[in-house]
Amino acid sequence: MVTVKTGTCAPVIVATRLRKGSANSGKGAASLLREALGTVRAMGITAQIIVRADSAYFSHKVVEVCRKAGARFSLAVAVKRKIREAIAGIAEAAWTPIKYAAAVWDAEEERWISDAEIAEVPFTAFTSKKKAFHATARLIVRRVKRLNPKSVPAGQAELFGVWRHHVIFTDSPFVLAQAEPMHREHAQVEQVFADLEDSALAHLPSGKFTANAAWLTLAATAYNLTRAAGHLASVFHARARTRPGRTSETPHRTAIRHTALPAPRKITPNPPETGLSNKRCNQGGWGY
């Protein structure tokens, strides 16, 4: 799924795809992104596009699609050997302290993070591929000191200070202090997933792949229409969630439940507080 947003509106969905079998997140990512970028331009958007995505989508194919479409990219990168070597080459004086406007929850450290340090170095990615696939851009690194005692020898936290690194590969035109937090905002795509899983994608209704693919398309269409209606209503509703049972829900939203009765089957409308099935479906996501 690919979403697009600006600084003043909630995300809308511009491309979806249901994949067969046990597919990894990056499968078909480049072609889906190509379709999404074409849709965005067809909408009349002429502004600079920055494609933001998790490390599952870090590939030369994705970078190539971005550059051919005139878009910039900001892709999270898994910290492996070459990345660790690049980080080790960053001078200590190059690190810039930053303070988050809102604290960020670190699941591994099990604490809220309110400050960190950032730096950047030039980096050429995909060097294990053919030379035509090599891509040189900026490697932006954010480091947070580990305070979890499990990560350092007992009683030697200061002597063996350990940093946790979060890495971005980007050709963003923005300066370091803007590019790093801008990338983290791509997590807003999770809000789209939450809305869909609280409604149409709480379950897939059929055992047939094609029927479920159509259901996904209709779910995305309904989501976008709700976002458009909210935008027309007010600034508050332009950003409000669509989940039933919350104060920010869309008025008069009704969930539909199929009740198993003797023929003929009866469709019973339920009040807004009635939830759908808790069964979840696996999804992968992008954010602009």
C-alpha atoms as a PDB file:
ATOM      1  CA  MET A   1       0.000   0.000   0.000  1.00  0.00           C
ATOM      2  CA  VAL A   2       1.255   3.488  -0.866  1.00  0.00           C
ATOM      3  CA  THR A   3      -0.028   6.679   0.725  1.00  0.00           C
ATOM      4  CA  VAL A   4       0.622  10.326  -0.060  1.00  0.00           C
ATOM      5  CA  LYS A   5       0.360  13.279   2.307  1.00  0.00           C
ATOM      6  CA  THR A   6       1.403  16.880   2.763  1.00  0.00           C
ATOM      7  CA  GLY A   7       2.165  18.807   5.919  1.00  0.00           C
ATOM      8  CA  THR A   8      -1.438  20.004   6.183  1.00  0.00           C
ATOM      9  CA  CYS A   9      -3.536  16.902   5.484  1.00  0.00           C
ATOM     10  CA  ALA A  10      -3.911  13.295   6.556  1.00  0.00           C
ATOM     11  CA  PRO A  11      -2.581  10.535   4.253  1.00  0.00           C
ATOM     12  CA  VAL A  12      -4.669   9.226   1.350  1.00  0.00           C
ATOM     13  CA  ILE A  13      -4.117   5.945  -0.468  1.00  0.00           C
ATOM     14  CA  VAL A  14      -2.796   6.112  -4.038  1.00  0.00           C
ATOM     15  CA  ALA A  15      -1.935   2.451  -4.722  1.00  0.00           C
ATOM     16  CA  THR A  16      -2.742  -0.961  -3.263  1.00  0.00           C
ATOM     17  CA  ARG A  17      -1.823  -4.510  -4.123  1.00  0.00           C
ATOM     18  CA  LEU A  18      -2.781  -7.859  -2.626  1.00  0.00           C
ATOM     19  CA  ARG A  19      -0.026 -10.434  -3.058  1.00  0.00           C
ATOM     20  CA  LYS A  20      -0.370 -14.193  -3.160  1.00  0.00           C
ATOM     21  CA  GLY A  21       1.305 -16.549  -0.745  1.00  0.00           C
ATOM     22  CA  SER A  22       3.971 -15.752   1.837  1.00  0.00           C
ATOM     23  CA  ALA A  23       5.491 -12.717   0.128  1.00  0.00           C
ATOM     24  CA  ASN A  24       8.177 -10.604   1.786  1.00  0.00           C
ATOM     25  CA  SER A  25       7.478  -6.891   2.200  1.00  0.00           C
ATOM     26  CA  GLY A  26       9.753  -5.795  -0.641  1.00  0.00           C
ATOM     27  CA  LYS A  27       8.276  -8.076  -3.310  1.00  0.00           C
ATOM     28  CA  GLY A  28       6.935  -6.000  -6.215  1.00  0.00           C
ATOM     29  CA  ALA A  29       7.761  -2.773  -4.379  1.00  0.00           C
ATOM     30  CA  ALA A  30       9.357  -1.045  -7.362  1.00  0.00           C
ATOM     31  CA  SER A  31       6.434  -1.638  -9.727  1.00  0.00           C
ATOM     32  CA  LEU A  32       3.908  -0.608  -7.060  1.00  0.00           C
ATOM     33  CA  LEU A  33       5.870   2.587  -6.420  1.00  0.00           C
ATOM     34  CA  ARG A  34       6.047   3.315 -10.157  1.00  0.00           C
ATOM     35  CA  GLU A  35       2.268   3.015 -10.352  1.00  0.00           C
ATOM     36  CA  ALA A  36       1.813   5.240  -7.298  1.00  0.00           C
ATOM     37  CA  LEU A  37       4.120   7.986  -8.568  1.00  0.00           C
ATOM     38  CA  GLY A  38       2.274   7.987 -11.891  1.00  0.00           C
ATOM     39  CA  THR A  39      -1.027   8.389 -10.021  1.00  0.00           C
ATOM     40  CA  VAL A  40       0.320  11.271  -7.936  1.00  0.00           C
ATOM     41  CA  ARG A  41       1.492  13.153 -11.009  1.00  0.00           C
ATOM     42  CA  ALA A  42      -1.818  12.443 -12.766  1.00  0.00           C
ATOM     43  CA  MET A  43      -3.535  14.119  -9.806  1.00  0.00           C
ATOM     44  CA  GLY A  44      -1.829  17.330 -10.864  1.00  0.00           C
ATOM     45  CA  ILE A  45       0.755  17.413  -8.090  1.00  0.00           C
ATOM     46  CA  THR A  46       3.880  19.177  -9.323  1.00  0.00           C
ATOM     47  CA  ALA A  47       5.665  19.631  -5.969  1.00  0.00           C
ATOM     48  CA  GLN A  48       8.832  17.741  -5.065  1.00  0.00           C
ATOM     49  CA  ILE A  49       8.010  14.209  -3.901  1.00  0.00           C
ATOM     50  CA  ILE A  50      10.072  12.439  -1.257  1.00  0.00           C
ATOM     51  CA  VAL A  51       9.480   8.690  -1.037  1.00  0.00           C
ATOM     52  CA  ARG A  52       9.896   7.468   2.544  1.00  0.00           C
ATOM     53  CA  ALA A  53       9.967   3.792   3.438  1.00  0.00           C
ATOM     54  CA  ASP A  54      11.233   1.178   5.886  1.00  0.00           C
ATOM     55  CA  SER A  55      14.362  -0.915   5.346  1.00  0.00           C
ATOM     56  CA  ALA A  56      12.304  -3.696   3.712  1.00  0.00           C
ATOM     57  CA  TYR A  57      12.100  -1.439   0.638  1.00  0.00           C
ATOM     58  CA  PHE A  58      15.787  -0.514   0.494  1.00  0.00           C
ATOM     59  CA  SER A  59      16.771  -1.742  -2.977  1.00  0.00           C
ATOM     60  CA  HIS A  60      18.397  -0.464  -6.158  1.00  0.00           C
ATOM     61  CA  LYS A  61      15.109  -1.000  -8.004  1.00  0.00           C
ATOM     62  CA  VAL A  62      13.248   1.381  -5.694  1.00  0.00           C
ATOM     63  CA  VAL A  63      15.999   4.010  -5.987  1.00  0.00           C
ATOM     64  CA  GLU A  64      15.939   3.681  -9.779  1.00  0.00           C
ATOM     65  CA  VAL A  65      12.160   4.178  -9.926  1.00  0.00           C
ATOM     66  CA  CYS A  66      12.425   7.297  -7.756  1.00  0.00           C
ATOM     67  CA  ARG A  67      15.144   8.871  -9.870  1.00  0.00           C
ATOM     68  CA  LYS A  68      13.429   8.110 -13.178  1.00  0.00           C
ATOM     69  CA  ALA A  69      10.223   9.710 -11.847  1.00  0.00           C
ATOM     70  CA  GLY A  70      12.045  12.798 -10.602  1.00  0.00           C
ATOM     71  CA  ALA A  71      11.299  11.937  -6.964  1.00  0.00           C
ATOM     72  CA  ARG A  72      13.672  11.958  -4.014  1.00  0.00           C
ATOM     73  CA  PHE A  73      14.021   8.988  -1.677  1.00  0.00           C
ATOM     74  CA  SER A  74      14.493   8.505   2.062  1.00  0.00           C
ATOM     75  CA  LEU A  75      14.892   4.819   2.896  1.00  0.00           C
ATOM     76  CA  ALA A  76      15.666   3.216   6.231  1.00  0.00           C
ATOM     77  CA  VAL A  77      18.671   0.878   6.127  1.00  0.00           C
ATOM     78  CA  ALA A  78      19.434  -2.203   8.191  1.00  0.00           C
ATOM     79  CA  VAL A  79      22.699  -1.827  10.147  1.00  0.00           C
ATOM     80  CA  LYS A  80      25.009  -4.425   8.611  1.00  0.00           C
ATOM     81  CA  ARG A  81      28.788  -4.658   8.140  1.00  0.00           C
ATOM     82  CA  LYS A  82      29.272  -1.932   5.514  1.00  0.00           C
ATOM     83  CA  ILE A  83      26.920   0.392   7.343  1.00  0.00           C
ATOM     84  CA  ARG A  84      28.776  -0.192  10.613  1.00  0.00           C
ATOM     85  CA  GLU A  85      32.066   0.587   8.848  1.00  0.00           C
ATOM     86  CA  ALA A  86      30.627   3.839   7.499  1.00  0.00           C
ATOM     87  CA  ILE A  87      29.364   4.803  10.962  1.00  0.00           C
ATOM     88  CA  ALA A  88      32.755   4.027  12.503  1.00  0.00           C
ATOM     89  CA  GLY A  89      34.327   6.504  10.077  1.00  0.00           C
ATOM     90  CA  ILE A  90      32.246   9.426  11.343  1.00  0.00           C
ATOM     91  CA  ALA A  91      34.355  11.812  13.427  1.00  0.00           C
ATOM     92  CA  GLU A  92      33.144  12.421  16.966  1.00  0.00           C
ATOM     93  CA  ALA A  93      32.977  16.167  16.285  1.00  0.00           C
ATOM     94  CA  ALA A  94      30.534  15.559  13.405  1.00  0.00           C
ATOM     95  CA  TRP A  95      27.707  14.439  15.710  1.00  0.00           C
ATOM     96  CA  THR A  96      25.042  17.072  16.345  1.00  0.00           C
ATOM     97  CA  PRO A  97      22.773  16.835  19.420  1.00  0.00           C
ATOM     98  CA  ILE A  98      19.040  17.063  18.715  1.00  0.00           C
ATOM     99  CA  LYS A  99      16.006  17.351  20.974  1.00  0.00           C
ATOM    100  CA  TYR A 100      12.700  15.793  19.976  1.00  0.00           C
ATOM    101  CA  ALA A 101       9.636  18.027  20.136  1.00  0.00           C
ATOM    102  CA  ALA A 102       7.785  14.924  21.363  1.00  0.00           C
ATOM    103  CA  ALA A 103       9.480  11.957  23.019  1.00  0.00           C
ATOM    104  CA  VAL A 104       9.808   8.759  20.949  1.00  0.00           C
ATOM    105  CA  TRP A 105       9.180   5.321  22.468  1.00  0.00           C
ATOM    106  CA  ASP A 106      12.130   2.924  22.086  1.00  0.00           C
ATOM    107  CA  ALA A 107      10.733  -0.615  22.324  1.00  0.00           C
ATOM    108  CA  GLU A 108      14.135  -2.277  22.672  1.00  0.00           C
ATOM    109  CA  GLU A 109      15.295   0.046  25.436  1.00  0.00           C
ATOM    110  CA  GLU A 110      11.778   0.133  26.895  1.00  0.00           C
ATOM    111  CA  ARG A 111      11.909   3.871  27.560  1.00  0.00           C
ATOM    112  CA  TRP A 112      10.976   7.220  26.069  1.00  0.00           C
ATOM    113  CA  ILE A 113      13.741   8.948  24.094  1.00  0.00           C
ATOM    114  CA  SER A 114      13.778  12.744  24.068  1.00  0.00           C
ATOM    115  CA  ASP A 115      17.266  13.447  22.752  1.00  0.00           C
ATOM    116  CA  ALA A 116      19.831  11.900  20.420  1.00  0.00           C
ATOM    117  CA  GLU A 117      22.689  12.804  18.072  1.00  0.00           C
ATOM    118  CA  ILE A 118      22.739  12.860  14.267  1.00  0.00           C
ATOM    119  CA  ALA A 119      25.440  12.953  11.600  1.00  0.00           C
ATOM    120  CA  GLU A 120      25.830  12.185   7.912  1.00  0.00           C
ATOM    121  CA  VAL A 121      28.423  10.887   5.458  1.00  0.00           C
ATOM    122  CA  PRO A 122      28.430  10.256   1.698  1.00  0.00           C
ATOM    123  CA  PHE A 123      27.714   6.612   0.913  1.00  0.00           C
ATOM    124  CA  THR A 124      27.533   4.412  -2.175  1.00  0.00           C
ATOM    125  CA  ALA A 125      24.945   1.665  -1.849  1.00  0.00           C
ATOM    126  CA  PHE A 126      24.361  -1.614  -3.701  1.00  0.00           C
ATOM    127  CA  THR A 127      28.061  -2.106  -4.500  1.00  0.00           C
ATOM    128  CA  SER A 128      27.508  -5.875  -4.596  1.00  0.00           C
ATOM    129  CA  LYS A 129      25.355  -5.316  -7.698  1.00  0.00           C
ATOM    130  CA  LYS A 130      26.445  -4.342 -11.201  1.00  0.00           C
ATOM    131  CA  LYS A 131      28.045  -0.902 -11.431  1.00  0.00           C
ATOM    132  CA  ALA A 132      24.973   0.461 -13.201  1.00  0.00           C
ATOM    133  CA  PHE A 133      22.984  -0.206 -10.024  1.00  0.00           C
ATOM    134  CA  HIS A 134      25.363   1.622  -7.667  1.00  0.00           C
ATOM    135  CA  ALA A 135      23.788   4.684  -6.038  1.00  0.00           C
ATOM    136  CA  THR A 136      25.609   7.435  -4.158  1.00  0.00           C
ATOM    137  CA  ALA A 137      23.689   9.624  -1.729  1.00  0.00           C
ATOM    138  CA  ARG A 138      23.665  10.702   1.918  1.00  0.00           C
ATOM    139  CA  LEU A 139      23.836   8.261   4.807  1.00  0.00           C
ATOM    140  CA  ILE A 140      22.125   9.931   7.772  1.00  0.00           C
ATOM    141  CA  VAL A 141      22.694   8.305  11.140  1.00  0.00           C
ATOM    142  CA  ARG A 142      20.831   8.922  14.385  1.00  0.00           C
ATOM    143  CA  ARG A 143      22.377   7.468  17.511  1.00  0.00           C
ATOM    144  CA  VAL A 144      20.843   7.009  20.955  1.00  0.00           C
ATOM    145  CA  LYS A 145      22.896   5.933  23.958  1.00  0.00           C
ATOM    146  CA  ARG A 146      21.800   2.607  25.393  1.00  0.00           C
ATOM    147  CA  LEU A 147      20.794   2.805  29.038  1.00  0.00           C
ATOM    148  CA  ASN A 148      19.472  -0.715  29.281  1.00  0.00           C
ATOM    149  CA  PRO A 149      21.930  -2.562  31.584  1.00  0.00           C
ATOM    150  CA  LYS A 150      21.544  -5.694  29.464  1.00  0.00           C
ATOM    151  CA  SER A 151      23.471  -3.978  26.649  1.00  0.00           C
ATOM    152  CA  VAL A 152      26.713  -3.238  28.564  1.00  0.00           C
ATOM    153  CA  PRO A 153      28.931  -5.053  31.068  1.00  0.00           C
ATOM    154  CA  ALA A 154      27.750  -4.705  34.670  1.00  0.00           C
ATOM    155  CA  GLY A 155      29.073  -1.566  36.379  1.00  0.00           C
ATOM    156  CA  GLN A 156      30.930  -0.377  33.257  1.00  0.00           C
ATOM    157  CA  ALA A 157      28.289   1.679  31.446  1.00  0.00           C
ATOM    158  CA  GLU A 158      30.487   4.767  31.092  1.00  0.00           C
ATOM    159  CA  LEU A 159      33.613   2.836  30.081  1.00  0.00           C
ATOM    160  CA  PHE A 160      31.764   0.778  27.504  1.00  0.00           C
ATOM    161  CA  GLY A 161      29.174   3.286  26.355  1.00  0.00           C
ATOM    162  CA  VAL A 162      27.064   1.676  23.614  1.00  0.00           C
ATOM    163  CA  TRP A 163      25.038   3.492  20.978  1.00  0.00           C
ATOM    164  CA  ARG A 164      22.030   2.285  19.094  1.00  0.00           C
ATOM    165  CA  HIS A 165      22.004   3.497  15.476  1.00  0.00           C
ATOM    166  CA  HIS A 166      19.138   4.256  13.093  1.00  0.00           C
ATOM    167  CA  VAL A 167      20.238   4.797   9.507  1.00  0.00           C
ATOM    168  CA  ILE A 168      18.670   6.483   6.467  1.00  0.00           C
ATOM    169  CA  PHE A 169      19.891   6.450   2.863  1.00  0.00           C
ATOM    170  CA  THR A 170      18.574   9.574   1.179  1.00  0.00           C
ATOM    171  CA  ASP A 171      19.050  12.195  -1.507  1.00  0.00           C
ATOM    172  CA  SER A 172      16.764  14.617   0.316  1.00  0.00           C
ATOM    173  CA  PRO A 173      17.423  18.275  -0.561  1.00  0.00           C
ATOM    174  CA  PHE A 174      16.820  19.299   3.053  1.00  0.00           C
ATOM    175  CA  VAL A 175      19.561  19.984   5.578  1.00  0.00           C
ATOM    176  CA  LEU A 176      20.444  17.306   8.111  1.00  0.00           C
ATOM    177  CA  ALA A 177      18.349  18.696  10.975  1.00  0.00           C
ATOM    178  CA  GLN A 178      15.269  18.703   8.696  1.00  0.00           C
ATOM    179  CA  ALA A 179      15.827  15.523   6.679  1.00  0.00           C
ATOM    180  CA  GLU A 180      16.151  13.193   9.695  1.00  0.00           C
ATOM    181  CA  PRO A 181      12.888  14.068  11.506  1.00  0.00           C
ATOM    182  CA  MET A 182      11.095  14.325   8.150  1.00  0.00           C
ATOM    183  CA  HIS A 183      11.943  10.688   7.466  1.00  0.00           C
ATOM    184  CA  ARG A 184      10.570   9.569  10.835  1.00  0.00           C
ATOM    185  CA  GLU A 185       7.212  11.092   9.959  1.00  0.00           C
ATOM    186  CA  HIS A 186       6.657   8.306   7.424  1.00  0.00           C
ATOM    187  CA  ALA A 187       5.438   6.193  10.358  1.00  0.00           C
ATOM    188  CA  GLN A 188       2.107   7.989   9.925  1.00  0.00           C
ATOM    189  CA  VAL A 189       1.264   5.313   7.351  1.00  0.00           C
ATOM    190  CA  GLU A 190       0.628   3.059  10.358  1.00  0.00           C
ATOM    191  CA  GLN A 191      -2.365   5.256  11.167  1.00  0.00           C
ATOM    192  CA  VAL A 192      -3.853   4.303   7.804  1.00  0.00           C
ATOM    193  CA  PHE A 193      -3.374   0.616   8.592  1.00  0.00           C
ATOM    194  CA  ALA A 194      -4.994   1.102  11.989  1.00  0.00           C
ATOM    195  CA  ASP A 195      -8.030   2.785  10.428  1.00  0.00           C
ATOM    196  CA  LEU A 196      -8.425   0.031   7.830  1.00  0.00           C
ATOM    197  CA  GLU A 197      -7.955  -2.775  10.351  1.00  0.00           C
ATOM    198  CA  ASP A 198     -10.643  -1.200  12.509  1.00  0.00           C
ATOM    199  CA  SER A 199     -13.031  -1.314   9.565  1.00  0.00           C
ATOM    200  CA  ALA A 200     -12.942  -3.024   6.160  1.00  0.00           C
ATOM    201  CA  LEU A 201      -9.665  -4.894   6.638  1.00  0.00           C
ATOM    202  CA  ALA A 202     -10.564  -6.345  10.016  1.00  0.00           C
ATOM    203  CA  HIS A 203     -11.018  -9.464   7.903  1.00  0.00           C
ATOM    204  CA  LEU A 204     -10.950 -10.474   4.247  1.00  0.00           C
ATOM    205  CA  PRO A 205     -14.377 -11.819   3.321  1.00  0.00           C
ATOM    206  CA  SER A 206     -13.612 -14.500   0.771  1.00  0.00           C
ATOM    207  CA  GLY A 207     -11.509 -17.564   0.161  1.00  0.00           C
ATOM    208  CA  LYS A 208     -10.879 -16.325  -3.380  1.00  0.00           C
ATOM    209  CA  PHE A 209      -7.864 -14.137  -4.064  1.00  0.00           C
ATOM    210  CA  THR A 210      -9.551 -12.014  -6.732  1.00  0.00           C
ATOM    211  CA  ALA A 211     -12.519 -11.249  -4.483  1.00  0.00           C
ATOM    212  CA  ASN A 212     -10.216 -10.167  -1.660  1.00  0.00           C
ATOM    213  CA  ALA A 213      -8.201  -8.007  -4.073  1.00  0.00           C
ATOM    214  CA  ALA A 214     -11.418  -6.251  -5.083  1.00  0.00           C
ATOM    215  CA  TRP A 215     -12.326  -5.843  -1.398  1.00  0.00           C
ATOM    216  CA  LEU A 216      -8.955  -4.156  -0.772  1.00  0.00           C
ATOM    217  CA  THR A 217      -9.566  -1.726  -3.641  1.00  0.00           C
ATOM    218  CA  LEU A 218     -13.025  -0.865  -2.300  1.00  0.00           C
ATOM    219  CA  ALA A 219     -11.613  -0.427   1.214  1.00  0.00           C
ATOM    220  CA  ALA A 220      -9.038   2.055  -0.080  1.00  0.00           C
ATOM    221  CA  THR A 221     -11.703   3.922  -2.067  1.00  0.00           C
ATOM    222  CA  ALA A 222     -13.977   4.172   0.981  1.00  0.00           C
ATOM    223  CA  TYR A 223     -11.068   5.386   3.113  1.00  0.00           C
ATOM    224  CA  ASN A 224     -10.181   8.122   0.610  1.00  0.00           C
ATOM    225  CA  LEU A 225     -13.811   9.266   0.302  1.00  0.00           C
ATOM    226  CA  THR A 226     -14.035   9.490   4.094  1.00  0.00           C
ATOM    227  CA  ARG A 227     -10.839  11.542   4.182  1.00  0.00           C
ATOM    228  CA  ALA A 228     -12.222  13.850   1.472  1.00  0.00           C
ATOM    229  CA  ALA A 229     -15.484  14.308   3.374  1.00  0.00           C
ATOM    230  CA  GLY A 230     -13.566  15.073   6.550  1.00  0.00           C
ATOM    231  CA  HIS A 231     -11.425  17.622   4.744  1.00  0.00           C
ATOM    232  CA  LEU A 232     -14.534  19.392   3.488  1.00  0.00           C
ATOM    233  CA  ALA A 233     -16.111  19.329   6.967  1.00  0.00           C
ATOM    234  CA  SER A 234     -13.392  20.949   9.081  1.00  0.00           C
ATOM    235  CA  VAL A 235      -9.706  21.000   9.935  1.00  0.00           C
ATOM    236  CA  PHE A 236     -10.416  18.669  12.867  1.00  0.00           C
ATOM    237  CA  HIS A 237     -12.212  16.080  10.732  1.00  0.00           C
ATOM    238  CA  ALA A 238      -9.522  16.288   8.056  1.00  0.00           C
ATOM    239  CA  ARG A 239      -7.193  14.569  10.528  1.00  0.00           C
ATOM    240  CA  ALA A 240      -9.711  12.559  12.580  1.00  0.00           C
ATOM    241  CA  ARG A 241      -9.591   8.766  12.712  1.00  0.00           C
ATOM    242  CA  THR A 242     -12.451   6.765  11.246  1.00  0.00           C
ATOM    243  CA  ARG A 243     -12.499   4.096  13.965  1.00  0.00           C
ATOM    244  CA  PRO A 244     -15.988   3.583  15.441  1.00  0.00           C
ATOM    245  CA  GLY A 245     -16.505   4.104  19.133  1.00  0.00           C
ATOM    246  CA  ARG A 246     -14.147   7.098  19.402  1.00  0.00           C
ATOM    247  CA  THR A 247     -15.057  10.753  19.877  1.00  0.00           C
ATOM    248  CA  SER A 248     -13.333  11.579  16.598  1.00  0.00           C
ATOM    249  CA  GLU A 249     -15.338   9.098  14.532  1.00  0.00           C
ATOM    250  CA  THR A 250     -17.326  10.113  11.497  1.00  0.00           C
ATOM    251  CA  PRO A 251     -20.985  10.675  12.570  1.00  0.00           C
ATOM    252  CA  HIS A 252     -23.532   7.965  11.778  1.00  0.00           C
ATOM    253  CA  ARG A 253     -20.931   5.411  10.740  1.00  0.00           C
ATOM    254  CA  THR A 254     -22.545   1.945  10.815  1.00  0.00           C
ATOM    255  CA  ALA A 255     -20.837  -1.429  10.720  1.00  0.00           C
ATOM    256  CA  ILE A 256     -22.572  -4.226   8.788  1.00  0.00           C
ATOM    257  CA  ARG A 257     -22.619  -7.788  10.111  1.00  0.00           C
ATOM    258  CA  HIS A 258     -23.788 -10.879   8.251  1.00  0.00           C
ATOM    259  CA  THR A 259     -25.889 -12.953  10.674  1.00  0.00           C
ATOM    260  CA  ALA A 260     -26.175 -16.677   9.934  1.00  0.00           C
ATOM    261  CA  LEU A 261     -29.922 -17.444   9.797  1.00  0.00           C
ATOM    262  CA  PRO A 262     -32.068 -19.926   7.864  1.00  0.00           C
ATOM    263  CA  ALA A 263     -32.599 -18.833   4.252  1.00  0.00           C
ATOM    264  CA  PRO A 264     -33.124 -16.162   3.235  1.00  0.00           C
ATOM    265  CA  ARG A 265     -30.017 -14.665   4.894  1.00  0.00           C
ATOM    266  CA  LYS A 266     -30.563 -11.430   6.753  1.00  0.00           C
ATOM    267  CA  ILE A 267     -28.135  -8.497   6.916  1.00  0.00           C
ATOM    268  CA  THR A 268     -28.412  -6.740  10.279  1.00  0.00           C
ATOM    269  CA  PRO A 269     -27.033  -3.196  10.743  1.00  0.00           C
ATOM    270  CA  ASN A 270     -25.324  -2.696  14.095  1.00  0.00           C
ATOM    271  CA  PRO A 271     -24.714   0.504  16.076  1.00  0.00           C
ATOM    272  CA  PRO A 272     -21.360   2.277  15.616  1.00  0.00           C
ATOM    273  CA  GLU A 273     -19.838   0.843  18.779  1.00  0.00           C
ATOM    274  CA  THR A 274     -20.022  -2.692  17.379  1.00  0.00           C
ATOM    275  CA  GLY A 275     -16.593  -3.818  16.208  1.00  0.00           C
ATOM    276  CA  LEU A 276     -15.748  -6.199  13.411  1.00  0.00           C
ATOM    277  CA  SER A 277     -13.669  -9.371  13.584  1.00  0.00           C
ATOM    278  CA  ASN A 278     -10.313  -9.038  15.335  1.00  0.00           C
ATOM    279  CA  LYS A 279      -8.588 -11.168  12.704  1.00  0.00           C
ATOM    280  CA  ARG A 280      -5.717  -9.151  11.215  1.00  0.00           C
ATOM    281  CA  CYS A 281      -4.147  -9.321   7.772  1.00  0.00           C
ATOM    282  CA  ASN A 282      -0.485  -8.749   6.942  1.00  0.00           C
ATOM    283  CA  GLN A 283       0.325  -5.528   5.096  1.00  0.00           C
ATOM    284  CA  GLY A 284       3.344  -3.539   3.969  1.00  0.00           C
ATOM    285  CA  GLY A 285       3.361   0.211   3.746  1.00  0.00           C
ATOM    286  CA  TRP A 286       4.911   3.309   2.243  1.00  0.00           C
ATOM    287  CA  GLY A 287       4.681   6.941   3.150  1.00  0.00           C
ATOM    288  CA  TYR A 288       5.431  10.096   1.208  1.00  0.00           C
END
